[in-house]
Amino acid sequence: MAHIIVVGNEKGGAGKSTVSMHVATALARMGHKISALDLDLRQKTFGRYVENRRRFLQKSGLDLPGPAYHDLPEIDKSQLKPGENVYDHRLSAAVATLEPDSDFILIDCPGSHTRLSQVAHSLADTLITPLNDSFVDFDLLAHIDSDGVKILGPSVYSEMVWSARQLRAQAGLKPIDWVVLRNRLGAQRMVNKEKMEQALERLAKRIGFRVAPGFNERVIFRELFPRGLTLLDLKDIGVKQLNISNIAARQELRDLMKALNLPGVTVDF
């Protein structure tokens, strides 16, 4: 059975699609069969990232590993029973179709609360939540006092994950391995950065997630998107010598993949 990775939070701009593409491509490069779904049916940033890759590779005559992207299947609404939700059926049909031939199914969620996103979270074996290193984004997980220290209680997204955990428990499924990524970090060691680190450590113990390193804020990620490339593809397209920033970013990806501790995965790049 495929291991399902869900990348989500309910706030845009945290780098979900960048994380999704790099994790999916890294797994594909390690020899795993990866199927990918984008649940942002309007923007489809992740889907466009994969399509950009397909077009660039075709134009360049290259054959590089990557995820197999799939659109959600259409469902005949007339076949639904009273009270059934069409989006539930679209996602469950996609997963059921992809599972037999996939080692991993990666699902990228929109930066807002939707029915599809809610259902996807209940399917997650591994949940990756990229989070900008800011208390504005921290508020997605928990409300915090004005001193930046005392946690007042969980916020909307944490409550949604809690509900997904309950649904999995009722279905007899294993618990979600929830990993929060400190993403788009600044290079400097600042007071806000230290406060965020301490607040996340306290919250992790309280509501049950692991904290893992994400990516620093780097121009390279914006440059890779139009060609659908990742850090692991640079040498294959003729970049003979990586600069210091690219080498550091590649190490960040290696650290991220190790931190995820996915089943059957040996990080070898």
C-alpha atoms as a PDB file:
ATOM      1  CA  MET A   1       0.000   0.000   0.000  1.00  0.00           C
ATOM      2  CA  ALA A   2       1.299   3.456  -0.911  1.00  0.00           C
ATOM      3  CA  HIS A   3       2.485   5.786   1.840  1.00  0.00           C
ATOM      4  CA  ILE A   4       0.488   9.030   1.612  1.00  0.00           C
ATOM      5  CA  ILE A   5       2.313  12.328   2.154  1.00  0.00           C
ATOM      6  CA  VAL A   6       0.147  15.417   2.547  1.00  0.00           C
ATOM      7  CA  VAL A   7       1.715  18.876   2.346  1.00  0.00           C
ATOM      8  CA  GLY A   8      -0.597  21.443   3.858  1.00  0.00           C
ATOM      9  CA  ASN A   9      -1.411  24.408   5.960  1.00  0.00           C
ATOM     10  CA  GLU A  10      -4.191  26.957   5.614  1.00  0.00           C
ATOM     11  CA  LYS A  11      -2.016  29.969   4.819  1.00  0.00           C
ATOM     12  CA  GLY A  12      -0.521  30.774   1.449  1.00  0.00           C
ATOM     13  CA  GLY A  13       3.077  31.747   0.806  1.00  0.00           C
ATOM     14  CA  ALA A  14       4.742  29.194   3.057  1.00  0.00           C
ATOM     15  CA  GLY A  15       6.395  27.297   0.208  1.00  0.00           C
ATOM     16  CA  LYS A  16       4.119  24.244   0.081  1.00  0.00           C
ATOM     17  CA  SER A  17       4.475  23.691  -3.665  1.00  0.00           C
ATOM     18  CA  THR A  18       8.263  24.126  -3.554  1.00  0.00           C
ATOM     19  CA  VAL A  19       8.483  21.595  -0.728  1.00  0.00           C
ATOM     20  CA  SER A  20       6.090  19.239  -2.551  1.00  0.00           C
ATOM     21  CA  MET A  21       8.102  19.294  -5.767  1.00  0.00           C
ATOM     22  CA  HIS A  22      11.454  18.814  -4.073  1.00  0.00           C
ATOM     23  CA  VAL A  23      10.251  15.963  -1.847  1.00  0.00           C
ATOM     24  CA  ALA A  24       8.494  14.220  -4.752  1.00  0.00           C
ATOM     25  CA  THR A  25      11.457  14.597  -7.104  1.00  0.00           C
ATOM     26  CA  ALA A  26      13.951  13.496  -4.456  1.00  0.00           C
ATOM     27  CA  LEU A  27      11.925  10.323  -3.873  1.00  0.00           C
ATOM     28  CA  ALA A  28      11.673   9.683  -7.618  1.00  0.00           C
ATOM     29  CA  ARG A  29      15.434  10.098  -7.977  1.00  0.00           C
ATOM     30  CA  MET A  30      15.924   7.496  -5.250  1.00  0.00           C
ATOM     31  CA  GLY A  31      13.995   5.009  -7.350  1.00  0.00           C
ATOM     32  CA  HIS A  32      10.541   5.248  -5.794  1.00  0.00           C
ATOM     33  CA  LYS A  33       7.311   5.464  -7.796  1.00  0.00           C
ATOM     34  CA  ILE A  34       5.661   8.788  -6.941  1.00  0.00           C
ATOM     35  CA  SER A  35       2.141   9.866  -7.835  1.00  0.00           C
ATOM     36  CA  ALA A  36       1.155  13.489  -7.227  1.00  0.00           C
ATOM     37  CA  LEU A  37      -2.138  15.332  -6.728  1.00  0.00           C
ATOM     38  CA  ASP A  38      -2.820  19.064  -6.411  1.00  0.00           C
ATOM     39  CA  LEU A  39      -5.979  19.883  -4.478  1.00  0.00           C
ATOM     40  CA  ASP A  40      -5.855  23.606  -5.235  1.00  0.00           C
ATOM     41  CA  LEU A  41      -8.294  23.246  -8.109  1.00  0.00           C
ATOM     42  CA  ARG A  42      -8.113  26.956  -8.979  1.00  0.00           C
ATOM     43  CA  GLN A  43      -4.435  27.937  -8.767  1.00  0.00           C
ATOM     44  CA  LYS A  44      -2.763  24.502  -9.174  1.00  0.00           C
ATOM     45  CA  THR A  45       0.737  25.821  -8.479  1.00  0.00           C
ATOM     46  CA  PHE A  46       2.122  22.341  -7.827  1.00  0.00           C
ATOM     47  CA  GLY A  47       0.400  20.993 -10.926  1.00  0.00           C
ATOM     48  CA  ARG A  48       1.874  23.825 -13.005  1.00  0.00           C
ATOM     49  CA  TYR A  49       5.308  23.126 -11.510  1.00  0.00           C
ATOM     50  CA  VAL A  50       5.117  19.513 -12.726  1.00  0.00           C
ATOM     51  CA  GLU A  51       3.788  20.613 -16.123  1.00  0.00           C
ATOM     52  CA  ASN A  52       6.636  23.133 -16.455  1.00  0.00           C
ATOM     53  CA  ARG A  53       9.028  20.238 -15.852  1.00  0.00           C
ATOM     54  CA  ARG A  54       7.404  18.064 -18.485  1.00  0.00           C
ATOM     55  CA  ARG A  55       7.590  20.835 -21.111  1.00  0.00           C
ATOM     56  CA  PHE A  56      11.191  21.769 -20.291  1.00  0.00           C
ATOM     57  CA  LEU A  57      12.425  18.174 -20.400  1.00  0.00           C
ATOM     58  CA  GLN A  58      10.607  17.556 -23.678  1.00  0.00           C
ATOM     59  CA  LYS A  59      12.072  20.727 -25.206  1.00  0.00           C
ATOM     60  CA  SER A  60      15.581  19.912 -23.935  1.00  0.00           C
ATOM     61  CA  GLY A  61      15.515  16.237 -24.856  1.00  0.00           C
ATOM     62  CA  LEU A  62      16.226  15.244 -21.258  1.00  0.00           C
ATOM     63  CA  ASP A  63      14.786  12.351 -19.283  1.00  0.00           C
ATOM     64  CA  LEU A  64      14.955  13.099 -15.554  1.00  0.00           C
ATOM     65  CA  PRO A  65      13.066  11.352 -12.739  1.00  0.00           C
ATOM     66  CA  GLY A  66      10.039  13.106 -11.293  1.00  0.00           C
ATOM     67  CA  PRO A  67       6.529  12.595  -9.946  1.00  0.00           C
ATOM     68  CA  ALA A  68       3.668  11.348 -12.104  1.00  0.00           C
ATOM     69  CA  TYR A  69       1.015  14.046 -11.840  1.00  0.00           C
ATOM     70  CA  HIS A  70      -2.697  13.226 -11.986  1.00  0.00           C
ATOM     71  CA  ASP A  71      -5.834  15.342 -12.039  1.00  0.00           C
ATOM     72  CA  LEU A  72      -8.720  14.319  -9.812  1.00  0.00           C
ATOM     73  CA  PRO A  73     -11.226  12.164 -11.720  1.00  0.00           C
ATOM     74  CA  GLU A  74     -14.687  13.525 -12.436  1.00  0.00           C
ATOM     75  CA  ILE A  75     -17.578  11.875 -10.602  1.00  0.00           C
ATOM     76  CA  ASP A  76     -21.120  11.510 -11.910  1.00  0.00           C
ATOM     77  CA  LYS A  77     -23.139  13.360  -9.272  1.00  0.00           C
ATOM     78  CA  SER A  78     -26.238  11.397 -10.176  1.00  0.00           C
ATOM     79  CA  GLN A  79     -24.545   8.296  -8.750  1.00  0.00           C
ATOM     80  CA  LEU A  80     -24.081   9.871  -5.297  1.00  0.00           C
ATOM     81  CA  LYS A  81     -26.261   8.842  -2.405  1.00  0.00           C
ATOM     82  CA  PRO A  82     -28.081  11.528  -0.371  1.00  0.00           C
ATOM     83  CA  GLY A  83     -25.619  13.421   1.839  1.00  0.00           C
ATOM     84  CA  GLU A  84     -22.512  12.197  -0.001  1.00  0.00           C
ATOM     85  CA  ASN A  85     -19.943  14.797  -1.048  1.00  0.00           C
ATOM     86  CA  VAL A  86     -18.606  14.715  -4.599  1.00  0.00           C
ATOM     87  CA  TYR A  87     -15.158  15.896  -3.494  1.00  0.00           C
ATOM     88  CA  ASP A  88     -14.828  12.988  -1.066  1.00  0.00           C
ATOM     89  CA  HIS A  89     -15.453  10.617  -3.935  1.00  0.00           C
ATOM     90  CA  ARG A  90     -13.087  12.406  -6.340  1.00  0.00           C
ATOM     91  CA  LEU A  91     -10.192  12.164  -3.886  1.00  0.00           C
ATOM     92  CA  SER A  92     -10.918   8.628  -2.731  1.00  0.00           C
ATOM     93  CA  ALA A  93     -11.243   7.468  -6.349  1.00  0.00           C
ATOM     94  CA  ALA A  94      -7.889   9.062  -7.219  1.00  0.00           C
ATOM     95  CA  VAL A  95      -6.111   7.467  -4.267  1.00  0.00           C
ATOM     96  CA  ALA A  96      -7.685   4.057  -4.912  1.00  0.00           C
ATOM     97  CA  THR A  97      -6.549   4.176  -8.545  1.00  0.00           C
ATOM     98  CA  LEU A  98      -2.981   5.301  -7.754  1.00  0.00           C
ATOM     99  CA  GLU A  99      -2.218   3.141  -4.715  1.00  0.00           C
ATOM    100  CA  PRO A 100      -1.510  -0.184  -6.481  1.00  0.00           C
ATOM    101  CA  ASP A 101       1.247   1.290  -8.669  1.00  0.00           C
ATOM    102  CA  SER A 102       2.753   3.870  -6.293  1.00  0.00           C
ATOM    103  CA  ASP A 103       5.246   3.723  -3.453  1.00  0.00           C
ATOM    104  CA  PHE A 104       4.220   7.218  -2.363  1.00  0.00           C
ATOM    105  CA  ILE A 105       1.281   9.480  -3.140  1.00  0.00           C
ATOM    106  CA  LEU A 106       2.067  13.142  -2.504  1.00  0.00           C
ATOM    107  CA  ILE A 107      -0.913  15.470  -2.087  1.00  0.00           C
ATOM    108  CA  ASP A 108      -0.408  19.243  -2.146  1.00  0.00           C
ATOM    109  CA  CYS A 109      -3.232  21.125  -0.403  1.00  0.00           C
ATOM    110  CA  PRO A 110      -4.449  24.692  -1.032  1.00  0.00           C
ATOM    111  CA  GLY A 111      -3.596  27.543   1.318  1.00  0.00           C
ATOM    112  CA  SER A 112      -7.138  27.673   2.646  1.00  0.00           C
ATOM    113  CA  HIS A 113      -9.660  25.413   4.337  1.00  0.00           C
ATOM    114  CA  THR A 114     -11.553  23.287   1.828  1.00  0.00           C
ATOM    115  CA  ARG A 115     -13.457  20.022   1.980  1.00  0.00           C
ATOM    116  CA  LEU A 116     -10.794  18.358  -0.187  1.00  0.00           C
ATOM    117  CA  SER A 117      -8.010  19.516   2.121  1.00  0.00           C
ATOM    118  CA  GLN A 118      -9.871  18.292   5.179  1.00  0.00           C
ATOM    119  CA  VAL A 119     -10.352  14.831   3.684  1.00  0.00           C
ATOM    120  CA  ALA A 120      -6.737  14.692   2.499  1.00  0.00           C
ATOM    121  CA  HIS A 121      -5.455  15.335   6.018  1.00  0.00           C
ATOM    122  CA  SER A 122      -7.389  12.330   7.299  1.00  0.00           C
ATOM    123  CA  LEU A 123      -5.618  10.196   4.659  1.00  0.00           C
ATOM    124  CA  ALA A 124      -2.117  11.367   5.587  1.00  0.00           C
ATOM    125  CA  ASP A 125       0.452   8.891   6.854  1.00  0.00           C
ATOM    126  CA  THR A 126       2.934  11.779   6.907  1.00  0.00           C
ATOM    127  CA  LEU A 127       1.736  15.386   7.167  1.00  0.00           C
ATOM    128  CA  ILE A 128       4.243  18.110   6.232  1.00  0.00           C
ATOM    129  CA  THR A 129       3.332  21.647   7.307  1.00  0.00           C
ATOM    130  CA  PRO A 130       5.722  24.306   5.986  1.00  0.00           C
ATOM    131  CA  LEU A 131       5.668  27.356   8.220  1.00  0.00           C
ATOM    132  CA  ASN A 132       7.294  30.732   7.633  1.00  0.00           C
ATOM    133  CA  ASP A 133       9.478  31.770  10.547  1.00  0.00           C
ATOM    134  CA  SER A 134       6.996  34.370  11.754  1.00  0.00           C
ATOM    135  CA  PHE A 135       4.492  34.667  14.572  1.00  0.00           C
ATOM    136  CA  VAL A 136       1.952  35.688  11.927  1.00  0.00           C
ATOM    137  CA  ASP A 137       2.247  32.141  10.556  1.00  0.00           C
ATOM    138  CA  PHE A 138       2.609  30.596  14.026  1.00  0.00           C
ATOM    139  CA  ASP A 139      -0.907  31.891  14.719  1.00  0.00           C
ATOM    140  CA  LEU A 140      -2.129  29.259  12.274  1.00  0.00           C
ATOM    141  CA  LEU A 141      -1.068  26.595  14.786  1.00  0.00           C
ATOM    142  CA  ALA A 142      -1.748  28.294  18.104  1.00  0.00           C
ATOM    143  CA  HIS A 143      -2.700  31.555  19.738  1.00  0.00           C
ATOM    144  CA  ILE A 144       0.132  33.063  21.740  1.00  0.00           C
ATOM    145  CA  ASP A 145       0.274  35.788  24.392  1.00  0.00           C
ATOM    146  CA  SER A 146       1.722  39.227  23.642  1.00  0.00           C
ATOM    147  CA  ASP A 147       5.018  38.220  25.250  1.00  0.00           C
ATOM    148  CA  GLY A 148       5.571  35.632  22.518  1.00  0.00           C
ATOM    149  CA  VAL A 149       5.998  32.952  25.188  1.00  0.00           C
ATOM    150  CA  LYS A 150       2.724  31.776  26.701  1.00  0.00           C
ATOM    151  CA  ILE A 151       0.602  29.573  24.434  1.00  0.00           C
ATOM    152  CA  LEU A 152      -3.078  30.348  24.950  1.00  0.00           C
ATOM    153  CA  GLY A 153      -4.525  27.478  22.926  1.00  0.00           C
ATOM    154  CA  PRO A 154      -4.586  25.692  19.562  1.00  0.00           C
ATOM    155  CA  SER A 155      -5.714  27.549  16.453  1.00  0.00           C
ATOM    156  CA  VAL A 156      -7.923  26.533  13.527  1.00  0.00           C
ATOM    157  CA  TYR A 157      -5.418  24.446  11.603  1.00  0.00           C
ATOM    158  CA  SER A 158      -4.280  22.459  14.637  1.00  0.00           C
ATOM    159  CA  GLU A 159      -7.914  21.744  15.447  1.00  0.00           C
ATOM    160  CA  MET A 160      -8.454  20.465  11.897  1.00  0.00           C
ATOM    161  CA  VAL A 161      -5.434  18.152  12.198  1.00  0.00           C
ATOM    162  CA  TRP A 162      -6.778  16.932  15.545  1.00  0.00           C
ATOM    163  CA  SER A 163     -10.091  16.072  13.869  1.00  0.00           C
ATOM    164  CA  ALA A 164      -8.210  14.197  11.117  1.00  0.00           C
ATOM    165  CA  ARG A 165      -6.341  12.238  13.782  1.00  0.00           C
ATOM    166  CA  GLN A 166      -9.609  11.280  15.440  1.00  0.00           C
ATOM    167  CA  LEU A 167     -11.050  10.053  12.127  1.00  0.00           C
ATOM    168  CA  ARG A 168      -7.978   7.898  11.524  1.00  0.00           C
ATOM    169  CA  ALA A 169      -8.172   6.458  15.030  1.00  0.00           C
ATOM    170  CA  GLN A 170     -11.841   5.589  14.558  1.00  0.00           C
ATOM    171  CA  ALA A 171     -10.951   3.827  11.289  1.00  0.00           C
ATOM    172  CA  GLY A 172      -8.193   1.843  13.010  1.00  0.00           C
ATOM    173  CA  LEU A 173      -5.415   3.515  11.013  1.00  0.00           C
ATOM    174  CA  LYS A 174      -1.974   4.380  12.359  1.00  0.00           C
ATOM    175  CA  PRO A 175      -1.472   7.923  13.723  1.00  0.00           C
ATOM    176  CA  ILE A 176      -0.395  10.778  11.470  1.00  0.00           C
ATOM    177  CA  ASP A 177       3.301  11.595  11.643  1.00  0.00           C
ATOM    178  CA  TRP A 178       3.003  15.387  11.685  1.00  0.00           C
ATOM    179  CA  VAL A 179       6.151  17.299  10.710  1.00  0.00           C
ATOM    180  CA  VAL A 180       6.249  21.097  10.908  1.00  0.00           C
ATOM    181  CA  LEU A 181       8.964  22.666   8.724  1.00  0.00           C
ATOM    182  CA  ARG A 182      10.535  25.938   9.681  1.00  0.00           C
ATOM    183  CA  ASN A 183      10.594  27.247   6.133  1.00  0.00           C
ATOM    184  CA  ARG A 184      11.970  30.342   4.371  1.00  0.00           C
ATOM    185  CA  LEU A 185      14.315  31.042   7.240  1.00  0.00           C
ATOM    186  CA  GLY A 186      16.495  34.133   7.254  1.00  0.00           C
ATOM    187  CA  ALA A 187      20.241  33.645   7.447  1.00  0.00           C
ATOM    188  CA  GLN A 188      20.780  35.855  10.469  1.00  0.00           C
ATOM    189  CA  ARG A 189      20.299  34.742  14.049  1.00  0.00           C
ATOM    190  CA  MET A 190      17.702  37.208  15.335  1.00  0.00           C
ATOM    191  CA  VAL A 191      15.620  37.478  18.509  1.00  0.00           C
ATOM    192  CA  ASN A 192      12.406  36.636  16.615  1.00  0.00           C
ATOM    193  CA  LYS A 193      14.063  33.513  15.205  1.00  0.00           C
ATOM    194  CA  GLU A 194      15.017  32.308  18.681  1.00  0.00           C
ATOM    195  CA  LYS A 195      11.546  33.052  20.062  1.00  0.00           C
ATOM    196  CA  MET A 196       9.943  31.125  17.206  1.00  0.00           C
ATOM    197  CA  GLU A 197      12.219  28.155  17.864  1.00  0.00           C
ATOM    198  CA  GLN A 198      11.320  28.098  21.553  1.00  0.00           C
ATOM    199  CA  ALA A 199       7.590  28.558  20.885  1.00  0.00           C
ATOM    200  CA  LEU A 200       7.526  25.710  18.344  1.00  0.00           C
ATOM    201  CA  GLU A 201       9.352  23.390  20.731  1.00  0.00           C
ATOM    202  CA  ARG A 202       6.788  24.085  23.459  1.00  0.00           C
ATOM    203  CA  LEU A 203       3.846  23.684  21.079  1.00  0.00           C
ATOM    204  CA  ALA A 204       5.263  20.462  19.593  1.00  0.00           C
ATOM    205  CA  LYS A 205       5.125  18.792  23.007  1.00  0.00           C
ATOM    206  CA  ARG A 206       1.640  20.112  23.625  1.00  0.00           C
ATOM    207  CA  ILE A 207      -0.170  19.131  20.414  1.00  0.00           C
ATOM    208  CA  GLY A 208       2.114  16.430  19.038  1.00  0.00           C
ATOM    209  CA  PHE A 209       4.250  17.228  16.026  1.00  0.00           C
ATOM    210  CA  ARG A 210       7.926  17.042  15.104  1.00  0.00           C
ATOM    211  CA  VAL A 211       9.901  20.115  14.067  1.00  0.00           C
ATOM    212  CA  ALA A 212      12.181  19.709  11.059  1.00  0.00           C
ATOM    213  CA  PRO A 213      14.421  22.093   9.107  1.00  0.00           C
ATOM    214  CA  GLY A 214      13.037  23.479   5.868  1.00  0.00           C
ATOM    215  CA  PHE A 215      14.592  25.797   3.295  1.00  0.00           C
ATOM    216  CA  ASN A 216      16.213  29.160   3.831  1.00  0.00           C
ATOM    217  CA  GLU A 217      14.936  32.081   1.763  1.00  0.00           C
ATOM    218  CA  ARG A 218      16.843  31.720  -1.530  1.00  0.00           C
ATOM    219  CA  VAL A 219      16.424  33.210  -5.014  1.00  0.00           C
ATOM    220  CA  ILE A 220      17.196  29.850  -6.628  1.00  0.00           C
ATOM    221  CA  PHE A 221      13.755  28.450  -5.761  1.00  0.00           C
ATOM    222  CA  ARG A 222      11.998  31.209  -7.703  1.00  0.00           C
ATOM    223  CA  GLU A 223      14.331  30.642 -10.668  1.00  0.00           C
ATOM    224  CA  LEU A 224      13.686  26.892 -10.821  1.00  0.00           C
ATOM    225  CA  PHE A 225       9.879  27.036 -11.084  1.00  0.00           C
ATOM    226  CA  PRO A 226       9.479  28.142 -14.750  1.00  0.00           C
ATOM    227  CA  ARG A 227      11.504  25.116 -15.906  1.00  0.00           C
ATOM    228  CA  GLY A 228       9.998  22.750 -13.352  1.00  0.00           C
ATOM    229  CA  LEU A 229      13.412  21.957 -11.940  1.00  0.00           C
ATOM    230  CA  THR A 230      14.687  21.180  -8.450  1.00  0.00           C
ATOM    231  CA  LEU A 231      18.037  21.542  -6.764  1.00  0.00           C
ATOM    232  CA  LEU A 232      18.846  17.928  -7.642  1.00  0.00           C
ATOM    233  CA  ASP A 233      18.527  18.609 -11.384  1.00  0.00           C
ATOM    234  CA  LEU A 234      21.114  21.361 -11.735  1.00  0.00           C
ATOM    235  CA  LYS A 235      24.088  19.191 -12.705  1.00  0.00           C
ATOM    236  CA  ASP A 236      21.950  17.243 -15.177  1.00  0.00           C
ATOM    237  CA  ILE A 237      21.146  20.426 -17.122  1.00  0.00           C
ATOM    238  CA  GLY A 238      24.781  21.444 -17.417  1.00  0.00           C
ATOM    239  CA  VAL A 239      25.544  23.367 -14.232  1.00  0.00           C
ATOM    240  CA  LYS A 240      29.063  22.062 -13.683  1.00  0.00           C
ATOM    241  CA  GLN A 241      29.852  23.870 -10.460  1.00  0.00           C
ATOM    242  CA  LEU A 242      27.241  24.818  -7.871  1.00  0.00           C
ATOM    243  CA  ASN A 243      27.663  28.093  -6.025  1.00  0.00           C
ATOM    244  CA  ILE A 244      27.764  28.237  -2.232  1.00  0.00           C
ATOM    245  CA  SER A 245      24.056  29.078  -1.939  1.00  0.00           C
ATOM    246  CA  ASN A 246      23.052  26.146  -4.146  1.00  0.00           C
ATOM    247  CA  ILE A 247      25.256  23.745  -2.201  1.00  0.00           C
ATOM    248  CA  ALA A 248      23.724  24.961   1.064  1.00  0.00           C
ATOM    249  CA  ALA A 249      20.198  24.586  -0.352  1.00  0.00           C
ATOM    250  CA  ARG A 250      20.974  21.049  -1.489  1.00  0.00           C
ATOM    251  CA  GLN A 251      22.159  20.226   2.035  1.00  0.00           C
ATOM    252  CA  GLU A 252      18.901  21.643   3.399  1.00  0.00           C
ATOM    253  CA  LEU A 253      16.976  19.271   1.136  1.00  0.00           C
ATOM    254  CA  ARG A 254      19.115  16.355   2.311  1.00  0.00           C
ATOM    255  CA  ASP A 255      18.468  17.284   5.946  1.00  0.00           C
ATOM    256  CA  LEU A 256      14.742  17.584   5.243  1.00  0.00           C
ATOM    257  CA  MET A 257      14.515  14.162   3.602  1.00  0.00           C
ATOM    258  CA  LYS A 258      16.391  12.560   6.490  1.00  0.00           C
ATOM    259  CA  ALA A 259      14.147  14.306   9.033  1.00  0.00           C
ATOM    260  CA  LEU A 260      10.984  13.015   7.339  1.00  0.00           C
ATOM    261  CA  ASN A 261      12.142   9.446   8.035  1.00  0.00           C
ATOM    262  CA  LEU A 262       9.879   7.978   5.363  1.00  0.00           C
ATOM    263  CA  PRO A 263       9.511   4.185   5.212  1.00  0.00           C
ATOM    264  CA  GLY A 264      11.927   2.411   2.904  1.00  0.00           C
ATOM    265  CA  VAL A 265      13.785   5.610   2.050  1.00  0.00           C
ATOM    266  CA  THR A 266      17.560   5.875   2.235  1.00  0.00           C
ATOM    267  CA  VAL A 267      18.780   9.386   1.469  1.00  0.00           C
ATOM    268  CA  ASP A 268      21.679   8.925  -0.924  1.00  0.00           C
ATOM    269  CA  PHE A 269      22.278  12.278  -2.600  1.00  0.00           C
END
